[in-house]
Amino acid sequence: MKISLGAGGVRFPGWLHVDADARWQPDVVADLSQALPFPDGCADFLQSEDFIGQLDFAQAREHLRDCHRVLKRGGVLRLLTPDLAVLLDHYQRGDTRVLDLWNREVGIPLVTGTLGELVHAALTFAGQKSFYDEATLRALLEPAGFEVHRVGYNESAWPELRGLDLRSPATAISLYLDCVKR
């Protein structure tokens, strides 16, 4: 079984889609901040893009433990989220190209148009509770029983996980992880 968590209106053929918002017409309506409505070891693959940031660190730790529970041994969680390290790197280097990215992809006007405001806006945007970098996610994933592999956009050792990523490096500052249940 392949399950997309926090799918919104995105549909992948052959995947079961889960979202809390029934307006998206998911296959399963469920609050992903709670236990997943699936039995232990039922899924080969889980996919989640831009959902984990809607959870605080404690909720994220529990959610990732539950993802581990639902996956079969050797199953994989494909996890994507904006990368805090990349955002801060742009800020520290004074790289204003990220402002163009914000204006093009998010479209919410900034008052000052500065990198400082952009960092604040990104951290508080659309109900974000947390913003992650690779080290923070590893600190949550590895104790839960995952082997974590950083991968590139639409890249994966598993063909089932290739071509699912919606946000490319050209239009986002995403972190791409394949997390294997040990």
N, C-alpha and C. Protein backbone atom coordinates (compact mmCIF):
# COMPACT_ATOMS: atom_id res chain seq x y z
N MET A 1 0.84 -1.17 0.00
CA MET A 1 0.00 0.00 0.00
C MET A 1 0.89 1.24 0.00
N LYS A 2 0.46 2.26 -0.77
CA LYS A 2 1.15 3.54 -0.86
C LYS A 2 0.18 4.61 -0.36
N ILE A 3 0.64 5.40 0.62
CA ILE A 3 -0.23 6.39 1.27
C ILE A 3 0.40 7.77 1.20
N SER A 4 -0.36 8.74 0.70
CA SER A 4 0.06 10.13 0.66
C SER A 4 -0.59 10.86 1.83
N LEU A 5 0.24 11.44 2.71
CA LEU A 5 -0.23 12.09 3.93
C LEU A 5 -0.27 13.60 3.75
N GLY A 6 -1.43 14.21 4.02
CA GLY A 6 -1.58 15.65 3.83
C GLY A 6 -1.60 15.99 2.35
N ALA A 7 -2.34 15.19 1.59
CA ALA A 7 -2.31 15.25 0.14
C ALA A 7 -2.90 16.52 -0.45
N GLY A 8 -3.79 17.19 0.30
CA GLY A 8 -4.47 18.33 -0.31
C GLY A 8 -5.20 17.86 -1.55
N GLY A 9 -5.12 18.63 -2.61
CA GLY A 9 -5.80 18.27 -3.86
C GLY A 9 -4.92 17.47 -4.81
N VAL A 10 -3.73 17.08 -4.37
CA VAL A 10 -2.81 16.34 -5.23
C VAL A 10 -3.16 14.86 -5.22
N ARG A 11 -3.23 14.27 -6.40
CA ARG A 11 -3.56 12.85 -6.52
C ARG A 11 -2.46 12.13 -7.29
N PHE A 12 -1.98 11.04 -6.70
CA PHE A 12 -1.01 10.17 -7.37
C PHE A 12 -1.72 8.87 -7.71
N PRO A 13 -1.70 8.43 -8.96
CA PRO A 13 -2.36 7.17 -9.32
C PRO A 13 -1.81 6.01 -8.50
N GLY A 14 -2.70 5.19 -7.96
CA GLY A 14 -2.31 4.01 -7.20
C GLY A 14 -2.01 4.29 -5.74
N TRP A 15 -2.17 5.53 -5.29
CA TRP A 15 -1.90 5.91 -3.90
C TRP A 15 -3.22 6.17 -3.18
N LEU A 16 -3.23 5.94 -1.88
CA LEU A 16 -4.33 6.29 -1.00
C LEU A 16 -4.02 7.68 -0.46
N HIS A 17 -4.96 8.60 -0.55
CA HIS A 17 -4.73 9.99 -0.18
C HIS A 17 -5.45 10.32 1.12
N VAL A 18 -4.70 10.92 2.07
CA VAL A 18 -5.22 11.24 3.40
C VAL A 18 -5.07 12.74 3.63
N ASP A 19 -6.14 13.36 4.10
CA ASP A 19 -6.08 14.78 4.44
C ASP A 19 -7.18 15.07 5.47
N ALA A 20 -6.96 16.09 6.28
CA ALA A 20 -7.96 16.47 7.29
C ALA A 20 -9.11 17.26 6.67
N ASP A 21 -8.89 17.85 5.51
CA ASP A 21 -9.88 18.71 4.87
C ASP A 21 -10.69 17.91 3.85
N ALA A 22 -11.94 17.65 4.16
CA ALA A 22 -12.81 16.85 3.29
C ALA A 22 -13.06 17.54 1.95
N ARG A 23 -12.88 18.85 1.89
CA ARG A 23 -13.09 19.57 0.62
C ARG A 23 -12.14 19.09 -0.47
N TRP A 24 -10.99 18.54 -0.09
CA TRP A 24 -10.03 18.02 -1.06
C TRP A 24 -10.44 16.64 -1.58
N GLN A 25 -11.48 16.07 -0.98
CA GLN A 25 -11.99 14.75 -1.35
C GLN A 25 -10.91 13.67 -1.25
N PRO A 26 -10.25 13.60 -0.09
CA PRO A 26 -9.25 12.52 0.08
C PRO A 26 -9.95 11.17 0.20
N ASP A 27 -9.20 10.12 0.03
CA ASP A 27 -9.73 8.77 0.22
C ASP A 27 -10.06 8.54 1.70
N VAL A 28 -9.24 9.14 2.58
CA VAL A 28 -9.43 9.03 4.01
C VAL A 28 -9.32 10.43 4.61
N VAL A 29 -10.35 10.83 5.36
CA VAL A 29 -10.31 12.10 6.09
C VAL A 29 -9.78 11.79 7.48
N ALA A 30 -8.64 12.42 7.82
CA ALA A 30 -8.03 12.16 9.13
C ALA A 30 -7.16 13.34 9.54
N ASP A 31 -7.18 13.64 10.82
CA ASP A 31 -6.32 14.65 11.42
C ASP A 31 -4.95 14.01 11.62
N LEU A 32 -3.98 14.44 10.83
CA LEU A 32 -2.65 13.82 10.88
C LEU A 32 -1.83 14.22 12.09
N SER A 33 -2.37 15.12 12.92
CA SER A 33 -1.68 15.41 14.18
C SER A 33 -2.04 14.35 15.23
N GLN A 34 -2.94 13.47 14.87
CA GLN A 34 -3.35 12.35 15.73
C GLN A 34 -2.80 11.05 15.14
N ALA A 35 -3.03 9.94 15.82
CA ALA A 35 -2.57 8.64 15.32
C ALA A 35 -3.15 8.36 13.93
N LEU A 36 -2.33 7.78 13.08
CA LEU A 36 -2.77 7.45 11.73
C LEU A 36 -3.81 6.32 11.80
N PRO A 37 -4.84 6.40 10.97
CA PRO A 37 -5.93 5.42 11.02
C PRO A 37 -5.63 4.15 10.22
N PHE A 38 -4.44 3.60 10.42
CA PHE A 38 -4.02 2.40 9.68
C PHE A 38 -3.40 1.40 10.64
N PRO A 39 -3.51 0.11 10.32
CA PRO A 39 -2.90 -0.91 11.18
C PRO A 39 -1.37 -0.92 11.07
N ASP A 40 -0.76 -1.55 12.03
CA ASP A 40 0.70 -1.69 12.05
C ASP A 40 1.18 -2.41 10.79
N GLY A 41 2.29 -1.93 10.23
CA GLY A 41 2.96 -2.62 9.14
C GLY A 41 2.16 -2.82 7.89
N CYS A 42 1.28 -1.89 7.56
CA CYS A 42 0.41 -2.09 6.39
C CYS A 42 0.92 -1.40 5.12
N ALA A 43 1.84 -0.43 5.25
CA ALA A 43 2.22 0.39 4.10
C ALA A 43 3.65 0.10 3.64
N ASP A 44 3.81 0.08 2.34
CA ASP A 44 5.14 -0.03 1.74
C ASP A 44 5.79 1.35 1.63
N PHE A 45 4.94 2.36 1.34
CA PHE A 45 5.44 3.72 1.14
C PHE A 45 4.48 4.73 1.74
N LEU A 46 5.08 5.76 2.34
CA LEU A 46 4.35 6.94 2.79
C LEU A 46 5.00 8.13 2.10
N GLN A 47 4.20 9.11 1.77
CA GLN A 47 4.72 10.33 1.14
C GLN A 47 4.09 11.52 1.83
N SER A 48 4.90 12.54 2.13
CA SER A 48 4.39 13.75 2.78
C SER A 48 5.21 14.94 2.33
N GLU A 49 4.55 15.89 1.70
CA GLU A 49 5.22 17.11 1.22
C GLU A 49 4.60 18.32 1.90
N ASP A 50 5.42 19.05 2.61
CA ASP A 50 5.04 20.31 3.26
C ASP A 50 4.01 20.17 4.37
N PHE A 51 3.86 19.00 4.95
CA PHE A 51 2.94 18.84 6.08
C PHE A 51 3.64 18.95 7.43
N ILE A 52 4.83 18.40 7.57
CA ILE A 52 5.50 18.27 8.87
C ILE A 52 5.65 19.63 9.56
N GLY A 53 5.78 20.70 8.80
CA GLY A 53 5.91 22.03 9.37
C GLY A 53 4.66 22.52 10.07
N GLN A 54 3.53 21.85 9.86
CA GLN A 54 2.29 22.21 10.54
C GLN A 54 2.22 21.62 11.94
N LEU A 55 3.25 20.86 12.31
CA LEU A 55 3.31 20.24 13.63
C LEU A 55 4.45 20.86 14.44
N ASP A 56 4.24 21.02 15.74
CA ASP A 56 5.36 21.44 16.57
C ASP A 56 6.28 20.23 16.76
N PHE A 57 7.44 20.44 17.37
CA PHE A 57 8.43 19.36 17.46
C PHE A 57 7.89 18.13 18.18
N ALA A 58 7.16 18.32 19.26
CA ALA A 58 6.61 17.17 20.00
C ALA A 58 5.60 16.41 19.15
N GLN A 59 4.72 17.13 18.45
CA GLN A 59 3.75 16.48 17.57
C GLN A 59 4.46 15.77 16.42
N ALA A 60 5.49 16.41 15.88
CA ALA A 60 6.23 15.81 14.76
C ALA A 60 6.89 14.51 15.20
N ARG A 61 7.47 14.50 16.40
CA ARG A 61 8.11 13.28 16.90
C ARG A 61 7.08 12.15 16.97
N GLU A 62 5.90 12.42 17.50
CA GLU A 62 4.86 11.40 17.60
C GLU A 62 4.35 10.98 16.22
N HIS A 63 4.19 11.94 15.32
CA HIS A 63 3.74 11.64 13.96
C HIS A 63 4.74 10.73 13.25
N LEU A 64 6.02 11.03 13.39
CA LEU A 64 7.04 10.21 12.73
C LEU A 64 7.13 8.81 13.34
N ARG A 65 6.94 8.71 14.64
CA ARG A 65 6.88 7.39 15.28
C ARG A 65 5.70 6.60 14.73
N ASP A 66 4.58 7.30 14.51
CA ASP A 66 3.39 6.63 13.99
C ASP A 66 3.59 6.22 12.53
N CYS A 67 4.28 7.05 11.76
CA CYS A 67 4.62 6.66 10.38
C CYS A 67 5.46 5.38 10.41
N HIS A 68 6.41 5.31 11.33
CA HIS A 68 7.24 4.11 11.47
C HIS A 68 6.36 2.90 11.78
N ARG A 69 5.40 3.07 12.66
CA ARG A 69 4.49 1.98 13.04
C ARG A 69 3.72 1.45 11.83
N VAL A 70 3.25 2.35 10.98
CA VAL A 70 2.40 1.99 9.85
C VAL A 70 3.19 1.34 8.72
N LEU A 71 4.46 1.69 8.59
CA LEU A 71 5.27 1.11 7.52
C LEU A 71 5.65 -0.34 7.80
N LYS A 72 5.75 -1.11 6.73
CA LYS A 72 6.33 -2.45 6.81
C LYS A 72 7.83 -2.30 7.03
N ARG A 73 8.46 -3.33 7.54
CA ARG A 73 9.93 -3.32 7.67
C ARG A 73 10.53 -3.11 6.28
N GLY A 74 11.43 -2.15 6.16
CA GLY A 74 12.01 -1.80 4.87
C GLY A 74 11.18 -0.81 4.08
N GLY A 75 10.00 -0.44 4.62
CA GLY A 75 9.16 0.57 3.97
C GLY A 75 9.81 1.94 4.05
N VAL A 76 9.35 2.86 3.20
CA VAL A 76 10.01 4.16 3.08
C VAL A 76 9.01 5.31 3.21
N LEU A 77 9.40 6.29 3.99
CA LEU A 77 8.68 7.57 4.10
C LEU A 77 9.43 8.59 3.25
N ARG A 78 8.78 9.13 2.25
CA ARG A 78 9.34 10.23 1.45
C ARG A 78 8.87 11.51 2.11
N LEU A 79 9.80 12.29 2.65
CA LEU A 79 9.47 13.47 3.44
C LEU A 79 10.10 14.70 2.81
N LEU A 80 9.26 15.68 2.50
CA LEU A 80 9.73 16.95 1.96
C LEU A 80 9.21 18.08 2.82
N THR A 81 10.06 19.07 3.01
CA THR A 81 9.67 20.25 3.78
C THR A 81 10.61 21.38 3.42
N PRO A 82 10.17 22.63 3.57
CA PRO A 82 11.12 23.73 3.35
C PRO A 82 12.33 23.55 4.26
N ASP A 83 13.50 23.86 3.73
CA ASP A 83 14.77 23.64 4.44
C ASP A 83 15.22 24.94 5.11
N LEU A 84 15.15 24.95 6.42
CA LEU A 84 15.55 26.13 7.19
C LEU A 84 17.01 26.51 6.91
N ALA A 85 17.88 25.53 6.76
CA ALA A 85 19.29 25.81 6.51
C ALA A 85 19.48 26.56 5.20
N VAL A 86 18.74 26.21 4.18
CA VAL A 86 18.85 26.90 2.89
C VAL A 86 18.35 28.33 3.01
N LEU A 87 17.21 28.51 3.67
CA LEU A 87 16.67 29.84 3.87
C LEU A 87 17.67 30.73 4.61
N LEU A 88 18.24 30.21 5.70
CA LEU A 88 19.18 31.00 6.48
C LEU A 88 20.48 31.24 5.72
N ASP A 89 20.88 30.30 4.86
CA ASP A 89 22.06 30.50 4.03
C ASP A 89 21.83 31.69 3.08
N HIS A 90 20.67 31.74 2.46
CA HIS A 90 20.35 32.89 1.60
C HIS A 90 20.43 34.19 2.40
N TYR A 91 19.87 34.14 3.60
CA TYR A 91 19.87 35.34 4.46
C TYR A 91 21.30 35.77 4.80
N GLN A 92 22.12 34.82 5.26
CA GLN A 92 23.48 35.16 5.68
C GLN A 92 24.34 35.66 4.52
N ARG A 93 24.10 35.15 3.33
CA ARG A 93 24.87 35.59 2.16
C ARG A 93 24.31 36.85 1.54
N GLY A 94 23.13 37.30 2.04
CA GLY A 94 22.50 38.48 1.45
C GLY A 94 21.96 38.21 0.06
N ASP A 95 21.64 36.96 -0.22
CA ASP A 95 21.17 36.54 -1.54
C ASP A 95 19.70 36.89 -1.69
N THR A 96 19.42 37.96 -2.39
CA THR A 96 18.04 38.45 -2.53
C THR A 96 17.24 37.68 -3.58
N ARG A 97 17.85 36.73 -4.29
CA ARG A 97 17.08 35.93 -5.25
C ARG A 97 15.95 35.18 -4.57
N VAL A 98 16.12 34.87 -3.29
CA VAL A 98 15.08 34.17 -2.56
C VAL A 98 13.84 35.07 -2.39
N LEU A 99 14.02 36.38 -2.43
CA LEU A 99 12.87 37.30 -2.40
C LEU A 99 12.03 37.13 -3.67
N ASP A 100 12.70 36.97 -4.81
CA ASP A 100 11.98 36.72 -6.07
C ASP A 100 11.20 35.42 -6.00
N LEU A 101 11.82 34.40 -5.42
CA LEU A 101 11.15 33.11 -5.24
C LEU A 101 9.89 33.28 -4.39
N TRP A 102 10.00 33.99 -3.28
CA TRP A 102 8.85 34.25 -2.40
C TRP A 102 7.73 34.96 -3.18
N ASN A 103 8.09 36.02 -3.89
CA ASN A 103 7.08 36.78 -4.63
C ASN A 103 6.43 35.95 -5.72
N ARG A 104 7.21 35.13 -6.41
CA ARG A 104 6.69 34.32 -7.51
C ARG A 104 5.85 33.14 -7.01
N GLU A 105 6.33 32.45 -5.97
CA GLU A 105 5.67 31.21 -5.55
C GLU A 105 4.64 31.40 -4.44
N VAL A 106 4.88 32.34 -3.54
CA VAL A 106 3.95 32.55 -2.42
C VAL A 106 3.01 33.69 -2.73
N GLY A 107 3.57 34.78 -3.24
CA GLY A 107 2.74 35.89 -3.68
C GLY A 107 2.16 36.77 -2.59
N ILE A 108 2.56 36.56 -1.36
CA ILE A 108 2.10 37.42 -0.27
C ILE A 108 3.08 38.58 -0.16
N PRO A 109 2.58 39.82 -0.35
CA PRO A 109 3.51 40.95 -0.36
C PRO A 109 4.22 41.16 0.97
N LEU A 110 5.48 41.55 0.87
CA LEU A 110 6.26 41.90 2.04
C LEU A 110 6.21 43.41 2.22
N VAL A 111 6.21 43.87 3.44
CA VAL A 111 6.13 45.31 3.72
C VAL A 111 7.46 45.99 3.42
N THR A 112 8.55 45.41 3.92
CA THR A 112 9.86 46.04 3.73
C THR A 112 10.64 45.44 2.57
N GLY A 113 10.30 44.23 2.18
CA GLY A 113 11.01 43.56 1.09
C GLY A 113 12.43 43.16 1.44
N THR A 114 12.71 43.04 2.73
CA THR A 114 14.06 42.68 3.16
C THR A 114 14.16 41.18 3.44
N LEU A 115 15.38 40.68 3.46
CA LEU A 115 15.59 39.28 3.78
C LEU A 115 15.14 38.97 5.20
N GLY A 116 15.34 39.91 6.14
CA GLY A 116 14.90 39.70 7.51
C GLY A 116 13.40 39.49 7.59
N GLU A 117 12.64 40.30 6.86
CA GLU A 117 11.19 40.13 6.85
C GLU A 117 10.81 38.81 6.19
N LEU A 118 11.53 38.45 5.14
CA LEU A 118 11.24 37.18 4.46
C LEU A 118 11.44 36.00 5.41
N VAL A 119 12.53 36.00 6.16
CA VAL A 119 12.77 34.92 7.12
C VAL A 119 11.62 34.86 8.13
N HIS A 120 11.22 36.01 8.66
CA HIS A 120 10.10 36.04 9.61
C HIS A 120 8.82 35.52 8.93
N ALA A 121 8.54 35.99 7.73
CA ALA A 121 7.32 35.57 7.02
C ALA A 121 7.33 34.06 6.77
N ALA A 122 8.47 33.53 6.37
CA ALA A 122 8.57 32.09 6.11
C ALA A 122 8.33 31.29 7.38
N LEU A 123 8.86 31.77 8.49
CA LEU A 123 8.72 31.04 9.75
C LEU A 123 7.30 31.08 10.30
N THR A 124 6.52 32.06 9.89
CA THR A 124 5.16 32.20 10.43
C THR A 124 4.09 32.00 9.37
N PHE A 125 4.46 31.62 8.18
CA PHE A 125 3.55 31.50 7.05
C PHE A 125 2.56 30.35 7.19
N ALA A 126 1.32 30.63 6.90
CA ALA A 126 0.25 29.63 6.71
C ALA A 126 0.21 28.56 7.78
N GLY A 127 0.22 28.97 9.02
CA GLY A 127 0.06 28.01 10.10
C GLY A 127 1.28 27.18 10.39
N GLN A 128 2.44 27.57 9.85
CA GLN A 128 3.67 26.85 10.17
C GLN A 128 3.88 26.88 11.68
N LYS A 129 4.10 25.73 12.25
CA LYS A 129 4.42 25.65 13.67
C LYS A 129 5.91 25.41 13.86
N SER A 130 6.53 24.80 12.85
CA SER A 130 7.95 24.46 12.93
C SER A 130 8.58 24.61 11.56
N PHE A 131 9.86 24.84 11.57
CA PHE A 131 10.64 24.92 10.35
C PHE A 131 11.85 24.04 10.59
N TYR A 132 12.16 23.15 9.68
CA TYR A 132 13.15 22.11 9.92
C TYR A 132 14.37 22.24 9.03
N ASP A 133 15.48 21.78 9.57
CA ASP A 133 16.67 21.54 8.78
C ASP A 133 16.94 20.04 8.87
N GLU A 134 17.93 19.57 8.13
CA GLU A 134 18.21 18.14 8.10
C GLU A 134 18.57 17.59 9.48
N ALA A 135 19.41 18.32 10.23
CA ALA A 135 19.84 17.83 11.54
C ALA A 135 18.66 17.65 12.49
N THR A 136 17.72 18.59 12.47
CA THR A 136 16.56 18.50 13.36
C THR A 136 15.67 17.32 12.97
N LEU A 137 15.46 17.14 11.67
CA LEU A 137 14.65 15.99 11.25
C LEU A 137 15.34 14.67 11.57
N ARG A 138 16.65 14.60 11.38
CA ARG A 138 17.37 13.38 11.75
C ARG A 138 17.23 13.11 13.25
N ALA A 139 17.25 14.16 14.06
CA ALA A 139 17.12 13.99 15.51
C ALA A 139 15.74 13.47 15.90
N LEU A 140 14.76 13.65 15.04
CA LEU A 140 13.42 13.10 15.28
C LEU A 140 13.24 11.74 14.61
N LEU A 141 13.80 11.56 13.42
CA LEU A 141 13.59 10.34 12.64
C LEU A 141 14.43 9.15 13.11
N GLU A 142 15.70 9.38 13.38
CA GLU A 142 16.58 8.25 13.71
C GLU A 142 16.18 7.56 15.01
N PRO A 143 15.85 8.28 16.09
CA PRO A 143 15.40 7.58 17.30
C PRO A 143 14.07 6.83 17.11
N ALA A 144 13.29 7.27 16.11
CA ALA A 144 12.02 6.59 15.82
C ALA A 144 12.25 5.29 15.06
N GLY A 145 13.49 5.06 14.59
CA GLY A 145 13.79 3.81 13.91
C GLY A 145 13.97 3.93 12.41
N PHE A 146 14.24 5.14 11.92
CA PHE A 146 14.44 5.35 10.49
C PHE A 146 15.92 5.49 10.16
N GLU A 147 16.30 4.98 9.00
CA GLU A 147 17.59 5.27 8.38
C GLU A 147 17.30 6.37 7.37
N VAL A 148 17.95 7.52 7.51
CA VAL A 148 17.61 8.71 6.74
C VAL A 148 18.61 8.93 5.61
N HIS A 149 18.08 9.15 4.41
CA HIS A 149 18.89 9.42 3.22
C HIS A 149 18.44 10.75 2.61
N ARG A 150 19.36 11.70 2.54
CA ARG A 150 19.04 12.94 1.83
C ARG A 150 19.17 12.66 0.34
N VAL A 151 18.16 13.05 -0.40
CA VAL A 151 18.13 12.81 -1.84
C VAL A 151 17.80 14.12 -2.55
N GLY A 152 17.85 14.09 -3.86
CA GLY A 152 17.53 15.27 -4.65
C GLY A 152 16.09 15.26 -5.12
N TYR A 153 15.73 16.33 -5.75
CA TYR A 153 14.40 16.52 -6.32
C TYR A 153 14.05 15.36 -7.26
N ASN A 154 12.95 14.69 -6.95
CA ASN A 154 12.43 13.57 -7.74
C ASN A 154 13.41 12.41 -7.86
N GLU A 155 14.41 12.37 -6.99
CA GLU A 155 15.36 11.26 -6.97
C GLU A 155 15.05 10.33 -5.82
N SER A 156 15.21 9.05 -6.03
CA SER A 156 15.01 8.05 -5.00
C SER A 156 15.57 6.73 -5.47
N ALA A 157 16.02 5.91 -4.53
CA ALA A 157 16.42 4.55 -4.86
C ALA A 157 15.20 3.69 -5.17
N TRP A 158 14.00 4.18 -4.84
CA TRP A 158 12.76 3.45 -5.04
C TRP A 158 11.98 4.10 -6.18
N PRO A 159 11.74 3.37 -7.27
CA PRO A 159 11.01 3.94 -8.41
C PRO A 159 9.64 4.50 -8.03
N GLU A 160 9.00 3.91 -7.03
CA GLU A 160 7.67 4.37 -6.62
C GLU A 160 7.69 5.79 -6.05
N LEU A 161 8.87 6.26 -5.63
CA LEU A 161 8.98 7.59 -5.01
C LEU A 161 9.56 8.64 -5.95
N ARG A 162 9.90 8.24 -7.16
CA ARG A 162 10.43 9.19 -8.14
C ARG A 162 9.27 9.90 -8.84
N GLY A 163 9.46 11.18 -9.09
CA GLY A 163 8.46 11.94 -9.84
C GLY A 163 7.29 12.42 -9.02
N LEU A 164 7.35 12.31 -7.70
CA LEU A 164 6.23 12.75 -6.84
C LEU A 164 6.40 14.18 -6.33
N ASP A 165 7.62 14.69 -6.33
CA ASP A 165 7.90 15.98 -5.72
C ASP A 165 7.28 17.12 -6.52
N LEU A 166 6.53 17.96 -5.84
CA LEU A 166 5.86 19.07 -6.50
C LEU A 166 6.73 20.32 -6.57
N ARG A 167 7.61 20.49 -5.60
CA ARG A 167 8.39 21.72 -5.51
C ARG A 167 9.85 21.45 -5.87
N SER A 168 10.26 21.97 -7.01
CA SER A 168 11.63 21.78 -7.47
C SER A 168 12.55 22.81 -6.84
N PRO A 169 13.84 22.58 -6.89
CA PRO A 169 14.79 23.56 -6.37
C PRO A 169 14.67 24.92 -7.07
N ALA A 170 14.14 24.94 -8.29
CA ALA A 170 13.97 26.20 -9.01
C ALA A 170 12.84 27.03 -8.43
N THR A 171 11.89 26.37 -7.73
CA THR A 171 10.73 27.10 -7.21
C THR A 171 10.55 26.94 -5.71
N ALA A 172 11.53 26.35 -5.03
CA ALA A 172 11.37 26.12 -3.59
C ALA A 172 12.73 25.95 -2.94
N ILE A 173 12.72 25.91 -1.62
CA ILE A 173 13.94 25.65 -0.85
C ILE A 173 13.74 24.36 -0.06
N SER A 174 13.32 23.32 -0.77
CA SER A 174 12.91 22.09 -0.11
C SER A 174 14.08 21.19 0.28
N LEU A 175 13.82 20.43 1.34
CA LEU A 175 14.68 19.36 1.82
C LEU A 175 13.98 18.07 1.45
N TYR A 176 14.67 17.14 0.79
CA TYR A 176 14.10 15.89 0.31
C TYR A 176 14.77 14.74 1.06
N LEU A 177 13.96 13.93 1.75
CA LEU A 177 14.48 12.81 2.52
C LEU A 177 13.72 11.52 2.19
N ASP A 178 14.46 10.43 2.04
CA ASP A 178 13.88 9.08 2.01
C ASP A 178 14.25 8.44 3.34
N CYS A 179 13.24 8.02 4.10
CA CYS A 179 13.45 7.51 5.45
C CYS A 179 12.98 6.06 5.49
N VAL A 180 13.92 5.16 5.69
CA VAL A 180 13.66 3.73 5.61
C VAL A 180 13.44 3.16 7.01
N LYS A 181 12.35 2.40 7.17
CA LYS A 181 12.08 1.76 8.45
C LYS A 181 13.08 0.62 8.64
N ARG A 182 13.84 0.70 9.73
CA ARG A 182 14.80 -0.36 10.03
C ARG A 182 14.09 -1.53 10.67
